[in-house]
N, C-alpha and C. Protein backbone atom coordinates (compact mmCIF):
# COMPACT_ATOMS: atom_id res chain seq x y z
N UNK A 1 0.87 -1.18 0.00
CA UNK A 1 0.00 0.00 0.00
C UNK A 1 0.90 1.23 0.00
N UNK A 2 1.07 1.90 -1.05
CA UNK A 2 1.97 3.05 -1.16
C UNK A 2 1.21 4.36 -0.90
N UNK A 3 0.66 4.50 0.30
CA UNK A 3 -0.12 5.69 0.63
C UNK A 3 0.70 6.96 0.50
N UNK A 4 1.96 6.89 0.91
CA UNK A 4 2.79 8.09 0.86
C UNK A 4 2.99 8.61 -0.56
N UNK A 5 2.76 7.78 -1.56
CA UNK A 5 2.93 8.20 -2.95
C UNK A 5 1.61 8.59 -3.62
N UNK A 6 0.52 8.53 -2.86
CA UNK A 6 -0.79 8.88 -3.42
C UNK A 6 -0.94 10.39 -3.42
N UNK A 7 -1.40 10.94 -4.51
CA UNK A 7 -1.58 12.39 -4.60
C UNK A 7 -2.85 12.80 -3.87
N UNK A 8 -2.81 13.98 -3.29
CA UNK A 8 -3.95 14.49 -2.52
C UNK A 8 -5.15 14.74 -3.42
N UNK A 9 -4.91 15.27 -4.61
CA UNK A 9 -6.02 15.64 -5.50
C UNK A 9 -6.15 14.68 -6.66
N UNK A 10 -7.37 14.47 -7.07
CA UNK A 10 -7.68 13.65 -8.23
C UNK A 10 -8.77 14.40 -8.97
N UNK A 11 -8.41 15.05 -10.05
CA UNK A 11 -9.31 15.93 -10.77
C UNK A 11 -9.80 17.01 -9.81
N UNK A 12 -11.11 17.16 -9.62
CA UNK A 12 -11.63 18.17 -8.70
C UNK A 12 -12.00 17.60 -7.34
N UNK A 13 -11.48 16.43 -7.02
CA UNK A 13 -11.81 15.75 -5.77
C UNK A 13 -10.56 15.52 -4.95
N UNK A 14 -10.76 15.14 -3.69
CA UNK A 14 -9.66 14.89 -2.78
C UNK A 14 -9.65 13.40 -2.44
N UNK A 15 -8.48 12.82 -2.44
CA UNK A 15 -8.33 11.43 -2.02
C UNK A 15 -8.26 11.38 -0.50
N UNK A 16 -8.99 10.45 0.09
CA UNK A 16 -8.98 10.28 1.54
C UNK A 16 -8.74 8.80 1.83
N UNK A 17 -7.93 8.54 2.83
CA UNK A 17 -7.72 7.18 3.33
C UNK A 17 -8.43 7.11 4.68
N UNK A 18 -9.36 6.18 4.80
CA UNK A 18 -10.12 6.04 6.04
C UNK A 18 -9.24 5.36 7.09
N UNK A 19 -9.24 5.95 8.27
CA UNK A 19 -8.55 5.32 9.41
C UNK A 19 -9.57 4.66 10.34
N UNK A 20 -10.65 5.39 10.63
CA UNK A 20 -11.64 4.92 11.60
C UNK A 20 -13.03 4.98 10.99
N UNK A 21 -13.76 3.87 10.98
CA UNK A 21 -15.10 3.87 10.39
C UNK A 21 -16.15 4.51 11.28
N UNK A 22 -17.20 4.98 10.65
CA UNK A 22 -18.37 5.51 11.35
C UNK A 22 -18.89 4.46 12.33
N UNK A 23 -19.24 4.91 13.54
CA UNK A 23 -19.82 4.02 14.54
C UNK A 23 -18.80 3.27 15.38
N UNK A 24 -17.51 3.46 15.09
CA UNK A 24 -16.47 2.76 15.82
C UNK A 24 -16.15 3.46 17.14
N UNK A 25 -15.95 2.67 18.18
CA UNK A 25 -15.48 3.20 19.45
C UNK A 25 -13.95 3.18 19.49
N UNK A 26 -13.36 2.43 18.57
CA UNK A 26 -11.90 2.36 18.45
C UNK A 26 -11.39 3.44 17.52
N UNK A 27 -10.25 4.04 17.86
CA UNK A 27 -9.59 5.02 16.99
C UNK A 27 -8.35 4.35 16.42
N UNK A 28 -8.30 4.26 15.09
CA UNK A 28 -7.16 3.67 14.41
C UNK A 28 -6.30 4.76 13.79
N UNK A 29 -5.01 4.50 13.67
CA UNK A 29 -4.07 5.43 13.05
C UNK A 29 -3.22 4.66 12.04
N UNK A 30 -2.91 5.34 10.94
CA UNK A 30 -2.01 4.77 9.95
C UNK A 30 -0.57 4.98 10.43
N UNK A 31 0.23 3.94 10.39
CA UNK A 31 1.64 4.00 10.77
C UNK A 31 2.46 3.83 9.49
N UNK A 32 2.99 4.96 8.95
CA UNK A 32 3.72 4.88 7.68
C UNK A 32 5.02 4.08 7.77
N UNK A 33 5.62 4.00 8.94
CA UNK A 33 6.87 3.24 9.08
C UNK A 33 6.65 1.76 8.78
N UNK A 34 5.54 1.23 9.28
CA UNK A 34 5.24 -0.19 9.08
C UNK A 34 4.17 -0.43 8.01
N UNK A 35 3.59 0.66 7.50
CA UNK A 35 2.56 0.59 6.46
C UNK A 35 1.36 -0.26 6.92
N UNK A 36 0.93 0.01 8.18
CA UNK A 36 -0.22 -0.70 8.75
C UNK A 36 -1.11 0.29 9.51
N UNK A 37 -2.30 -0.16 9.84
CA UNK A 37 -3.22 0.60 10.68
C UNK A 37 -3.19 -0.02 12.07
N UNK A 38 -2.97 0.81 13.08
CA UNK A 38 -2.86 0.33 14.46
C UNK A 38 -3.96 0.93 15.32
N UNK A 39 -4.35 0.20 16.35
CA UNK A 39 -5.30 0.73 17.31
C UNK A 39 -4.59 1.77 18.16
N UNK A 40 -5.07 3.00 18.12
CA UNK A 40 -4.45 4.08 18.89
C UNK A 40 -5.07 4.18 20.28
N UNK A 41 -6.41 4.11 20.33
CA UNK A 41 -7.08 4.22 21.62
C UNK A 41 -8.54 3.79 21.46
N UNK A 42 -9.21 3.70 22.58
CA UNK A 42 -10.63 3.39 22.61
C UNK A 42 -11.34 4.58 23.24
N UNK A 43 -12.45 4.99 22.62
CA UNK A 43 -13.23 6.10 23.16
C UNK A 43 -14.02 5.62 24.38
N UNK A 44 -14.44 6.55 25.24
CA UNK A 44 -15.24 6.18 26.41
C UNK A 44 -16.56 5.52 25.99
N UNK A 45 -17.15 4.78 26.90
CA UNK A 45 -18.42 4.11 26.65
C UNK A 45 -19.44 5.14 26.16
N UNK A 46 -20.13 4.78 25.08
CA UNK A 46 -21.16 5.65 24.51
C UNK A 46 -20.65 6.60 23.45
N UNK A 47 -19.33 6.77 23.35
CA UNK A 47 -18.75 7.67 22.34
C UNK A 47 -18.32 6.86 21.13
N UNK A 48 -18.74 7.30 19.96
CA UNK A 48 -18.36 6.66 18.70
C UNK A 48 -18.12 7.74 17.65
N UNK A 49 -17.43 7.39 16.61
CA UNK A 49 -17.21 8.33 15.51
C UNK A 49 -18.51 8.51 14.74
N UNK A 50 -18.92 9.79 14.53
CA UNK A 50 -20.20 10.06 13.86
C UNK A 50 -20.18 9.79 12.36
N UNK A 51 -18.99 9.83 11.77
CA UNK A 51 -18.79 9.57 10.35
C UNK A 51 -17.44 8.89 10.21
N UNK A 52 -17.16 8.38 9.02
CA UNK A 52 -15.83 7.84 8.77
C UNK A 52 -14.82 8.96 8.94
N UNK A 53 -13.65 8.62 9.47
CA UNK A 53 -12.62 9.60 9.76
C UNK A 53 -11.33 9.14 9.10
N UNK A 54 -10.71 10.03 8.36
CA UNK A 54 -9.48 9.66 7.67
C UNK A 54 -8.57 10.85 7.44
N UNK A 55 -7.66 10.67 6.49
CA UNK A 55 -6.68 11.72 6.21
C UNK A 55 -6.47 11.85 4.70
N UNK A 56 -5.95 13.02 4.32
CA UNK A 56 -5.61 13.29 2.92
C UNK A 56 -4.13 12.99 2.75
N UNK A 57 -3.80 11.97 1.94
CA UNK A 57 -2.39 11.63 1.75
C UNK A 57 -1.61 12.76 1.11
N UNK A 58 -0.31 12.77 1.37
CA UNK A 58 0.61 13.75 0.78
C UNK A 58 0.33 15.17 1.25
N UNK A 59 -0.26 15.30 2.47
CA UNK A 59 -0.47 16.62 3.07
C UNK A 59 0.12 16.60 4.48
N UNK A 60 0.36 17.79 5.00
CA UNK A 60 0.83 17.90 6.38
C UNK A 60 0.24 19.17 6.99
N UNK A 61 -0.44 18.98 8.12
CA UNK A 61 -1.00 20.10 8.86
C UNK A 61 0.01 20.66 9.84
N UNK A 62 -0.40 21.68 10.57
CA UNK A 62 0.49 22.31 11.55
C UNK A 62 0.93 21.34 12.63
N UNK A 63 0.08 20.33 12.92
CA UNK A 63 0.42 19.35 13.95
C UNK A 63 1.42 18.30 13.46
N UNK A 64 1.82 18.38 12.18
CA UNK A 64 2.79 17.44 11.62
C UNK A 64 2.16 16.20 11.01
N UNK A 65 0.86 16.04 11.18
CA UNK A 65 0.14 14.89 10.63
C UNK A 65 -0.56 15.27 9.34
N UNK A 66 -0.95 14.28 8.53
CA UNK A 66 -1.77 14.59 7.35
C UNK A 66 -3.09 15.24 7.78
N UNK A 67 -3.69 16.00 6.87
CA UNK A 67 -4.94 16.68 7.17
C UNK A 67 -6.06 15.68 7.43
N UNK A 68 -6.87 15.97 8.46
CA UNK A 68 -7.97 15.10 8.89
C UNK A 68 -9.26 15.43 8.16
N UNK A 69 -10.03 14.39 7.83
CA UNK A 69 -11.30 14.58 7.13
C UNK A 69 -12.38 13.67 7.73
N UNK A 70 -13.54 14.24 8.00
CA UNK A 70 -14.73 13.46 8.31
C UNK A 70 -15.43 13.22 6.98
N UNK A 71 -15.74 11.97 6.67
CA UNK A 71 -16.32 11.63 5.38
C UNK A 71 -17.77 11.17 5.57
N UNK A 72 -18.68 11.90 4.95
CA UNK A 72 -20.10 11.56 4.99
C UNK A 72 -20.38 10.63 3.82
N UNK A 73 -20.90 9.44 4.13
CA UNK A 73 -21.28 8.50 3.08
C UNK A 73 -22.34 7.54 3.59
N UNK A 74 -22.84 6.73 2.71
CA UNK A 74 -24.00 5.89 2.99
C UNK A 74 -23.76 4.83 4.06
N UNK A 75 -22.66 4.14 4.01
CA UNK A 75 -22.32 3.07 4.95
C UNK A 75 -20.88 3.25 5.41
N UNK A 76 -20.53 2.75 6.59
CA UNK A 76 -19.14 2.86 7.04
C UNK A 76 -18.18 2.10 6.11
N UNK A 77 -16.98 2.61 6.00
CA UNK A 77 -15.93 1.93 5.23
C UNK A 77 -15.11 1.10 6.23
N UNK A 78 -13.84 0.96 5.99
CA UNK A 78 -12.96 0.20 6.87
C UNK A 78 -11.58 0.86 6.84
N UNK A 79 -10.74 0.62 7.86
CA UNK A 79 -9.41 1.21 7.85
C UNK A 79 -8.63 0.83 6.59
N UNK A 80 -8.05 1.83 5.95
CA UNK A 80 -7.25 1.62 4.75
C UNK A 80 -8.01 1.82 3.45
N UNK A 81 -9.32 2.00 3.54
CA UNK A 81 -10.13 2.17 2.33
C UNK A 81 -9.87 3.54 1.71
N UNK A 82 -9.67 3.56 0.40
CA UNK A 82 -9.50 4.80 -0.35
C UNK A 82 -10.87 5.30 -0.76
N UNK A 83 -11.18 6.56 -0.43
CA UNK A 83 -12.47 7.16 -0.78
C UNK A 83 -12.21 8.50 -1.46
N UNK A 84 -12.77 8.68 -2.63
CA UNK A 84 -12.68 9.96 -3.33
C UNK A 84 -13.80 10.85 -2.78
N UNK A 85 -13.44 12.06 -2.34
CA UNK A 85 -14.39 12.94 -1.66
C UNK A 85 -14.50 14.31 -2.31
N UNK A 86 -15.69 14.86 -2.19
CA UNK A 86 -15.95 16.26 -2.53
C UNK A 86 -15.91 17.01 -1.20
N UNK A 87 -14.98 17.93 -1.05
CA UNK A 87 -14.85 18.69 0.19
C UNK A 87 -15.98 19.70 0.29
N UNK A 88 -16.61 19.75 1.47
CA UNK A 88 -17.70 20.70 1.71
C UNK A 88 -17.21 21.97 2.40
N UNK A 89 -16.23 21.80 3.27
CA UNK A 89 -15.72 22.93 4.03
C UNK A 89 -14.76 22.47 5.10
N UNK A 90 -14.41 23.40 5.98
CA UNK A 90 -13.44 23.10 7.02
C UNK A 90 -13.86 23.78 8.33
N UNK A 91 -13.69 23.06 9.42
CA UNK A 91 -13.85 23.64 10.75
C UNK A 91 -12.45 24.04 11.19
N UNK A 92 -12.18 25.33 11.13
CA UNK A 92 -10.88 25.80 11.59
C UNK A 92 -10.90 25.74 13.11
N UNK A 93 -9.78 25.26 13.68
CA UNK A 93 -9.75 25.07 15.12
C UNK A 93 -8.34 25.20 15.66
N UNK A 94 -8.29 25.55 16.94
CA UNK A 94 -7.04 25.62 17.67
C UNK A 94 -7.09 24.53 18.74
N UNK A 95 -5.99 23.84 18.87
CA UNK A 95 -5.93 22.75 19.85
C UNK A 95 -4.86 23.07 20.87
N UNK A 96 -5.22 22.98 22.15
CA UNK A 96 -4.27 23.19 23.23
C UNK A 96 -3.88 21.82 23.76
N UNK A 97 -2.60 21.52 23.67
CA UNK A 97 -2.09 20.22 24.10
C UNK A 97 -1.99 20.15 25.62
N UNK A 98 -1.71 18.95 26.12
CA UNK A 98 -1.57 18.74 27.57
C UNK A 98 -0.48 19.62 28.17
N UNK A 99 0.59 19.86 27.38
CA UNK A 99 1.71 20.66 27.88
C UNK A 99 1.47 22.16 27.75
N UNK A 100 0.29 22.56 27.26
CA UNK A 100 -0.06 23.98 27.16
C UNK A 100 0.23 24.62 25.82
N UNK A 101 0.95 23.92 24.94
CA UNK A 101 1.22 24.49 23.62
C UNK A 101 -0.05 24.48 22.78
N UNK A 102 -0.16 25.48 21.91
CA UNK A 102 -1.32 25.61 21.04
C UNK A 102 -0.89 25.45 19.59
N UNK A 103 -1.78 24.87 18.80
CA UNK A 103 -1.53 24.74 17.37
C UNK A 103 -2.85 24.62 16.63
N UNK A 104 -2.83 24.97 15.36
CA UNK A 104 -4.02 24.77 14.52
C UNK A 104 -4.18 23.29 14.26
N UNK A 105 -5.43 22.83 14.30
CA UNK A 105 -5.73 21.44 13.97
C UNK A 105 -7.12 21.39 13.34
N UNK A 106 -7.19 21.90 12.11
CA UNK A 106 -8.46 22.01 11.39
C UNK A 106 -9.02 20.62 11.06
N UNK A 107 -10.35 20.57 10.89
CA UNK A 107 -11.03 19.34 10.52
C UNK A 107 -11.84 19.61 9.26
N UNK A 108 -11.55 18.86 8.22
CA UNK A 108 -12.24 19.01 6.95
C UNK A 108 -13.45 18.08 6.92
N UNK A 109 -14.47 18.46 6.18
CA UNK A 109 -15.66 17.63 6.02
C UNK A 109 -15.90 17.44 4.54
N UNK A 110 -16.13 16.18 4.16
CA UNK A 110 -16.36 15.87 2.76
C UNK A 110 -17.46 14.83 2.60
N UNK A 111 -17.90 14.67 1.36
CA UNK A 111 -18.90 13.67 1.00
C UNK A 111 -18.25 12.72 0.00
N UNK A 112 -18.44 11.43 0.22
CA UNK A 112 -17.90 10.44 -0.71
C UNK A 112 -18.50 10.66 -2.10
N UNK A 113 -17.64 10.71 -3.10
CA UNK A 113 -18.07 10.90 -4.49
C UNK A 113 -19.06 9.82 -4.92
N UNK A 114 -18.91 8.63 -4.39
CA UNK A 114 -19.77 7.51 -4.78
C UNK A 114 -21.07 7.43 -3.99
N UNK A 115 -21.28 8.35 -3.05
CA UNK A 115 -22.49 8.30 -2.23
C UNK A 115 -23.75 8.54 -3.05
N UNK A 116 -24.76 7.74 -2.81
CA UNK A 116 -26.06 7.92 -3.46
C UNK A 116 -26.94 8.83 -2.61
N UNK A 117 -27.02 8.51 -1.32
CA UNK A 117 -27.89 9.25 -0.42
C UNK A 117 -27.46 10.71 -0.23
N UNK A 118 -26.17 10.97 -0.24
CA UNK A 118 -25.68 12.31 0.05
C UNK A 118 -25.13 13.04 -1.18
N UNK A 119 -25.42 12.55 -2.38
CA UNK A 119 -24.85 13.15 -3.59
C UNK A 119 -25.32 14.59 -3.81
N UNK A 120 -26.45 14.96 -3.26
CA UNK A 120 -26.97 16.32 -3.43
C UNK A 120 -26.31 17.34 -2.51
N UNK A 121 -25.53 16.88 -1.56
CA UNK A 121 -24.87 17.81 -0.63
C UNK A 121 -23.61 18.35 -1.31
N UNK A 122 -23.63 19.64 -1.58
CA UNK A 122 -22.52 20.27 -2.32
C UNK A 122 -21.70 21.24 -1.46
N UNK A 123 -22.27 21.68 -0.32
CA UNK A 123 -21.57 22.64 0.54
C UNK A 123 -22.07 22.52 1.97
N UNK A 124 -21.45 23.24 2.88
CA UNK A 124 -21.83 23.17 4.30
C UNK A 124 -23.26 23.61 4.54
N UNK A 125 -23.74 24.56 3.74
CA UNK A 125 -25.11 25.05 3.92
C UNK A 125 -26.14 23.97 3.62
N UNK A 126 -25.75 22.95 2.86
CA UNK A 126 -26.65 21.84 2.55
C UNK A 126 -26.84 20.89 3.73
N UNK A 127 -25.94 20.97 4.70
CA UNK A 127 -26.03 20.09 5.87
C UNK A 127 -27.04 20.64 6.87
N UNK A 128 -27.65 19.75 7.60
CA UNK A 128 -28.54 20.12 8.69
C UNK A 128 -27.72 20.91 9.73
N UNK A 129 -28.24 22.02 10.23
CA UNK A 129 -27.52 22.87 11.19
C UNK A 129 -27.13 22.09 12.44
N UNK A 130 -27.99 21.19 12.88
CA UNK A 130 -27.65 20.42 14.09
C UNK A 130 -26.50 19.45 13.81
N UNK A 131 -26.38 18.96 12.57
CA UNK A 131 -25.28 18.08 12.21
C UNK A 131 -23.95 18.82 12.33
N UNK A 132 -23.91 20.04 11.85
CA UNK A 132 -22.69 20.86 11.93
C UNK A 132 -22.32 21.09 13.39
N UNK A 133 -23.29 21.39 14.22
CA UNK A 133 -23.06 21.61 15.65
C UNK A 133 -22.57 20.32 16.33
N UNK A 134 -23.16 19.20 15.96
CA UNK A 134 -22.75 17.92 16.54
C UNK A 134 -21.31 17.56 16.17
N UNK A 135 -20.90 17.90 14.96
CA UNK A 135 -19.52 17.65 14.55
C UNK A 135 -18.56 18.44 15.46
N UNK A 136 -18.88 19.71 15.68
CA UNK A 136 -18.06 20.53 16.58
C UNK A 136 -17.97 19.90 17.97
N UNK A 137 -19.11 19.51 18.52
CA UNK A 137 -19.14 18.93 19.86
C UNK A 137 -18.39 17.60 19.93
N UNK A 138 -18.45 16.82 18.87
CA UNK A 138 -17.71 15.56 18.85
C UNK A 138 -16.22 15.85 19.02
N UNK A 139 -15.67 16.79 18.26
CA UNK A 139 -14.24 17.07 18.35
C UNK A 139 -13.85 17.71 19.69
N UNK A 140 -14.72 18.51 20.25
CA UNK A 140 -14.46 19.08 21.58
C UNK A 140 -14.36 17.95 22.60
N UNK A 141 -15.35 17.05 22.61
CA UNK A 141 -15.36 15.94 23.57
C UNK A 141 -14.23 14.96 23.32
N UNK A 142 -13.98 14.66 22.05
CA UNK A 142 -12.91 13.72 21.68
C UNK A 142 -11.58 14.18 22.25
N UNK A 143 -11.29 15.47 22.12
CA UNK A 143 -10.02 16.00 22.62
C UNK A 143 -10.01 16.14 24.14
N UNK A 144 -11.15 16.47 24.71
CA UNK A 144 -11.24 16.60 26.17
C UNK A 144 -10.86 15.29 26.84
N UNK A 145 -11.28 14.17 26.26
CA UNK A 145 -10.95 12.86 26.81
C UNK A 145 -9.46 12.56 26.79
N UNK A 146 -8.70 13.29 25.97
CA UNK A 146 -7.25 13.12 25.91
C UNK A 146 -6.51 14.19 26.71
N UNK A 147 -7.26 15.03 27.41
CA UNK A 147 -6.64 16.11 28.17
C UNK A 147 -6.25 17.31 27.32
N UNK A 148 -6.85 17.41 26.13
CA UNK A 148 -6.57 18.52 25.23
C UNK A 148 -7.82 19.40 25.14
N UNK A 149 -7.61 20.64 24.73
CA UNK A 149 -8.74 21.53 24.52
C UNK A 149 -8.83 21.88 23.04
N UNK A 150 -9.98 21.58 22.45
CA UNK A 150 -10.24 21.85 21.04
C UNK A 150 -11.17 23.06 20.98
N UNK A 151 -10.67 24.14 20.39
CA UNK A 151 -11.45 25.38 20.32
C UNK A 151 -11.80 25.69 18.86
N UNK A 152 -13.08 25.49 18.49
CA UNK A 152 -13.50 25.84 17.12
C UNK A 152 -13.36 27.34 16.88
N UNK A 153 -12.78 27.69 15.73
CA UNK A 153 -12.60 29.10 15.35
C UNK A 153 -13.64 29.54 14.33
N UNK A 154 -14.31 28.56 13.72
CA UNK A 154 -15.35 28.88 12.74
C UNK A 154 -15.27 27.99 11.53
N UNK A 155 -16.39 27.93 10.83
CA UNK A 155 -16.50 27.13 9.61
C UNK A 155 -16.18 27.99 8.39
N UNK A 156 -15.46 27.41 7.46
CA UNK A 156 -15.14 28.07 6.19
C UNK A 156 -15.66 27.20 5.05
N UNK A 157 -15.93 27.86 3.94
CA UNK A 157 -16.54 27.18 2.79
C UNK A 157 -15.55 26.31 2.02
N UNK A 158 -16.08 25.67 1.01
CA UNK A 158 -15.31 24.73 0.18
C UNK A 158 -14.08 25.38 -0.45
N UNK A 159 -14.23 26.57 -0.97
CA UNK A 159 -13.12 27.24 -1.64
C UNK A 159 -11.95 27.48 -0.69
N UNK A 160 -12.26 27.97 0.52
CA UNK A 160 -11.22 28.20 1.53
C UNK A 160 -10.58 26.87 1.93
N UNK A 161 -11.41 25.83 2.11
CA UNK A 161 -10.90 24.52 2.49
C UNK A 161 -9.93 23.99 1.43
N UNK A 162 -10.30 24.10 0.15
CA UNK A 162 -9.42 23.60 -0.92
C UNK A 162 -8.12 24.38 -1.00
N UNK A 163 -8.17 25.68 -0.73
CA UNK A 163 -6.93 26.48 -0.70
C UNK A 163 -6.00 26.00 0.41
N UNK A 164 -6.58 25.72 1.59
CA UNK A 164 -5.78 25.24 2.72
C UNK A 164 -5.18 23.86 2.41
N UNK A 165 -5.97 23.01 1.76
CA UNK A 165 -5.46 21.68 1.39
C UNK A 165 -4.31 21.80 0.40
N UNK A 166 -4.49 22.62 -0.64
CA UNK A 166 -3.42 22.79 -1.62
C UNK A 166 -2.14 23.32 -0.99
N UNK A 167 -2.30 24.17 0.01
CA UNK A 167 -1.13 24.74 0.72
C UNK A 167 -0.40 23.65 1.52
N UNK A 168 -1.14 22.64 1.96
CA UNK A 168 -0.56 21.57 2.80
C UNK A 168 -0.01 20.39 1.99
N UNK A 169 -0.20 20.40 0.68
CA UNK A 169 0.25 19.28 -0.16
C UNK A 169 1.78 19.29 -0.27
N UNK A 170 2.36 18.10 -0.08
CA UNK A 170 3.79 17.92 -0.29
C UNK A 170 4.69 18.49 0.77
N UNK A 171 4.15 18.90 1.88
CA UNK A 171 4.98 19.47 2.95
C UNK A 171 5.81 18.41 3.62
């Protein structure tokens, strides 16, 4: 699996590699050294991923990791699955680590290109307002459980999200 050689963009879409499927209480991470997916942690009882969660290959965010993406699609995928996505927007956020350092750790939201049920969703405004709020709360709680503080700075549209992704390619 040559993930490190996969390009971030494919025509007008973004390539995403799923790490953690929707509904999972387990958080998986890709380990490029061994080219495998490993169990990173387990979420508290009752907490699960609201959508598939993955990364955009060949990108690097401020935290040193590939850019994170929540992928909306009809059914959960599995760790390592390649999904072509249409980016809807980005939740810009600041994350305060356990040691007190702060860094940007934005979360992108996309729709699987192959989705039937969600094919009509073209931008963040197409999403239910409560869904957008729930995504924010998921990341706040997810980080709180690790002793980190996730502070949403605001949602930006597709165009801004794609500019940020292009800036992070090949870093």
